[in-house]
């Protein structure tokens, strides 16, 4: 796994994990790497120092007779479970999933017509209703510049797998 520090076009900085450098490149090319703050898909890797394990230090061997060295933590048992995410992260994801499901259930999916319909509703050309769909970053930017209220649907990592 590789952890990248990323910057979006709006200047937000965040971190994300990828199985490999090629995986990051493929996901970025498909527009799947987005800023969690603003939803921008214009994301680049930030300059960062690599994390390299030192090999010039080795802890002294521990025999059954000798106590472990002071300051050296005891190794964790091999069967100890390692949480993938913290409890608060899991709760947040559950709330985001519930919010997304509620929006999808109570709104009409309009596909690629989202930007046009949102603008027509804003201009009073058609009746207001809850909709969701697809829009490019340029379309979203133009809508926001014209004070049309649009928000991205919450997307969870498992939604993209």
Protein backbone atom coordinates (compact mmCIF):
# COMPACT_ATOMS: atom_id res chain seq x y z
CA UNK A 1 0.00 0.00 0.00
CA UNK A 2 1.16 3.52 -0.81
CA UNK A 3 -0.03 6.61 1.04
CA UNK A 4 -0.07 9.76 -1.07
CA UNK A 5 -0.55 13.31 0.09
CA UNK A 6 -2.76 14.91 -2.56
CA UNK A 7 -3.75 18.47 -3.50
CA UNK A 8 -6.86 19.47 -5.42
CA UNK A 9 -7.18 22.40 -7.81
CA UNK A 10 -8.85 24.44 -5.02
CA UNK A 11 -5.80 23.98 -2.77
CA UNK A 12 -7.25 21.42 -0.35
CA UNK A 13 -4.73 18.87 0.90
CA UNK A 14 -5.65 15.33 1.91
CA UNK A 15 -4.19 11.83 2.09
CA UNK A 16 -5.28 8.62 0.43
CA UNK A 17 -4.02 5.04 0.24
CA UNK A 18 -3.57 3.08 -2.99
CA UNK A 19 -2.48 -0.51 -3.65
CA UNK A 20 0.20 0.74 -6.05
CA UNK A 21 1.38 3.74 -8.04
CA UNK A 22 -0.26 2.24 -11.14
CA UNK A 23 -3.55 1.95 -9.26
CA UNK A 24 -3.41 5.66 -8.37
CA UNK A 25 -2.67 6.56 -12.01
CA UNK A 26 -5.54 4.41 -13.30
CA UNK A 27 -8.05 5.77 -10.78
CA UNK A 28 -6.97 9.35 -11.43
CA UNK A 29 -7.31 8.87 -15.21
CA UNK A 30 -10.89 7.64 -14.68
CA UNK A 31 -11.72 10.65 -12.45
CA UNK A 32 -12.22 8.46 -9.37
CA UNK A 33 -9.73 10.32 -7.16
CA UNK A 34 -11.63 13.32 -5.81
CA UNK A 35 -11.13 15.88 -3.07
CA UNK A 36 -13.23 14.99 -0.01
CA UNK A 37 -13.75 18.71 0.71
CA UNK A 38 -14.92 20.06 -2.65
CA UNK A 39 -15.32 16.98 -4.84
CA UNK A 40 -12.81 18.20 -7.44
CA UNK A 41 -11.34 15.46 -9.63
CA UNK A 42 -8.40 17.72 -10.53
CA UNK A 43 -6.05 16.11 -8.03
CA UNK A 44 -2.27 15.90 -8.06
CA UNK A 45 0.29 14.26 -5.82
CA UNK A 46 1.93 16.67 -3.38
CA UNK A 47 5.66 16.71 -2.81
CA UNK A 48 6.40 14.42 0.09
CA UNK A 49 9.32 12.63 1.69
CA UNK A 50 9.33 8.86 1.28
CA UNK A 51 8.86 6.72 4.35
CA UNK A 52 11.77 4.30 4.42
CA UNK A 53 12.43 1.84 7.21
CA UNK A 54 15.90 2.03 8.75
CA UNK A 55 17.97 -1.11 8.44
CA UNK A 56 20.99 0.01 10.46
CA UNK A 57 19.24 -0.61 13.79
CA UNK A 58 18.18 -4.01 14.95
CA UNK A 59 16.77 -4.67 18.41
CA UNK A 60 18.81 -7.06 20.56
CA UNK A 61 17.52 -10.63 20.48
CA UNK A 62 15.22 -11.55 23.35
CA UNK A 63 15.79 -14.92 24.94
CA UNK A 64 13.29 -16.60 27.19
CA UNK A 65 15.61 -16.08 30.19
CA UNK A 66 16.31 -12.39 29.62
CA UNK A 67 13.69 -9.68 30.10
CA UNK A 68 12.94 -7.52 27.04
CA UNK A 69 15.07 -4.42 26.61
CA UNK A 70 13.77 -1.27 28.24
CA UNK A 71 11.89 0.94 25.76
CA UNK A 72 11.42 -1.85 23.20
CA UNK A 73 7.74 -2.72 22.89
CA UNK A 74 6.80 -6.37 23.00
CA UNK A 75 5.63 -7.70 19.64
CA UNK A 76 1.87 -8.02 19.27
CA UNK A 77 0.49 -11.53 19.11
CA UNK A 78 0.09 -12.70 15.51
CA UNK A 79 -3.63 -13.37 15.96
CA UNK A 80 -4.43 -9.86 17.26
CA UNK A 81 -7.03 -8.26 14.98
CA UNK A 82 -6.09 -5.00 13.31
CA UNK A 83 -9.01 -2.60 12.76
CA UNK A 84 -9.34 -1.33 9.22
CA UNK A 85 -10.97 1.86 10.44
CA UNK A 86 -11.76 3.42 13.78
CA UNK A 87 -15.22 3.21 15.32
CA UNK A 88 -16.00 6.93 14.64
CA UNK A 89 -14.98 6.45 10.97
CA UNK A 90 -17.33 3.51 10.68
CA UNK A 91 -20.18 5.52 12.20
CA UNK A 92 -19.51 8.43 9.84
CA UNK A 93 -19.53 6.12 6.82
CA UNK A 94 -22.81 4.60 7.98
CA UNK A 95 -24.36 8.08 8.31
CA UNK A 96 -23.07 9.11 4.87
CA UNK A 97 -24.45 5.89 3.37
CA UNK A 98 -27.83 6.55 5.03
CA UNK A 99 -27.85 10.16 3.76
CA UNK A 100 -27.05 9.04 0.22
CA UNK A 101 -29.76 6.36 0.30
CA UNK A 102 -32.33 8.91 1.53
CA UNK A 103 -31.42 11.37 -1.25
CA UNK A 104 -31.60 8.67 -3.92
CA UNK A 105 -34.93 7.38 -2.57
CA UNK A 106 -36.57 10.83 -2.43
CA UNK A 107 -35.16 12.29 -5.68
CA UNK A 108 -35.41 11.65 -9.40
CA UNK A 109 -32.33 10.43 -11.28
CA UNK A 110 -31.89 12.58 -14.39
CA UNK A 111 -28.52 11.32 -15.64
CA UNK A 112 -26.52 13.70 -17.84
CA UNK A 113 -29.40 16.20 -17.94
CA UNK A 114 -28.70 17.25 -14.35
CA UNK A 115 -26.99 20.59 -15.12
CA UNK A 116 -29.62 21.66 -17.67
CA UNK A 117 -32.56 20.74 -15.42
CA UNK A 118 -31.00 22.37 -12.34
CA UNK A 119 -30.49 25.60 -14.29
CA UNK A 120 -34.07 25.51 -15.66
CA UNK A 121 -35.46 25.02 -12.15
CA UNK A 122 -33.32 27.87 -10.84
CA UNK A 123 -34.53 30.15 -13.65
CA UNK A 124 -38.18 29.20 -13.00
CA UNK A 125 -38.64 27.56 -16.41
CA UNK A 126 -39.74 24.26 -14.87
CA UNK A 127 -41.19 23.18 -11.53
CA UNK A 128 -38.75 22.64 -8.66
CA UNK A 129 -38.16 19.03 -7.56
CA UNK A 130 -35.37 17.01 -5.99
CA UNK A 131 -33.05 15.59 -8.63
CA UNK A 132 -29.65 13.95 -8.82
CA UNK A 133 -27.52 12.94 -11.75
CA UNK A 134 -24.23 13.42 -13.53
CA UNK A 135 -22.40 16.70 -14.22
CA UNK A 136 -18.88 17.60 -15.25
CA UNK A 137 -16.72 19.79 -13.03
CA UNK A 138 -17.12 22.60 -15.59
CA UNK A 139 -20.92 22.32 -15.45
CA UNK A 140 -20.89 22.37 -11.65
CA UNK A 141 -18.58 25.38 -11.61
CA UNK A 142 -20.86 27.26 -14.03
CA UNK A 143 -23.94 26.40 -11.93
CA UNK A 144 -22.27 27.64 -8.74
CA UNK A 145 -21.12 30.85 -10.45
CA UNK A 146 -24.79 31.48 -11.32
CA UNK A 147 -25.85 30.79 -7.67
CA UNK A 148 -27.58 27.52 -8.56
CA UNK A 149 -27.44 25.37 -5.41
CA UNK A 150 -25.82 22.03 -6.16
CA UNK A 151 -24.05 19.58 -3.86
CA UNK A 152 -22.20 16.35 -4.62
CA UNK A 153 -23.70 13.15 -3.31
CA UNK A 154 -21.53 11.57 -0.62
CA UNK A 155 -19.37 8.86 -2.18
CA UNK A 156 -17.78 6.16 -0.07
CA UNK A 157 -14.67 4.21 -1.09
CA UNK A 158 -16.64 0.97 -1.41
CA UNK A 159 -18.92 2.69 -3.94
CA UNK A 160 -15.98 2.86 -6.34
CA UNK A 161 -14.76 -0.72 -6.00
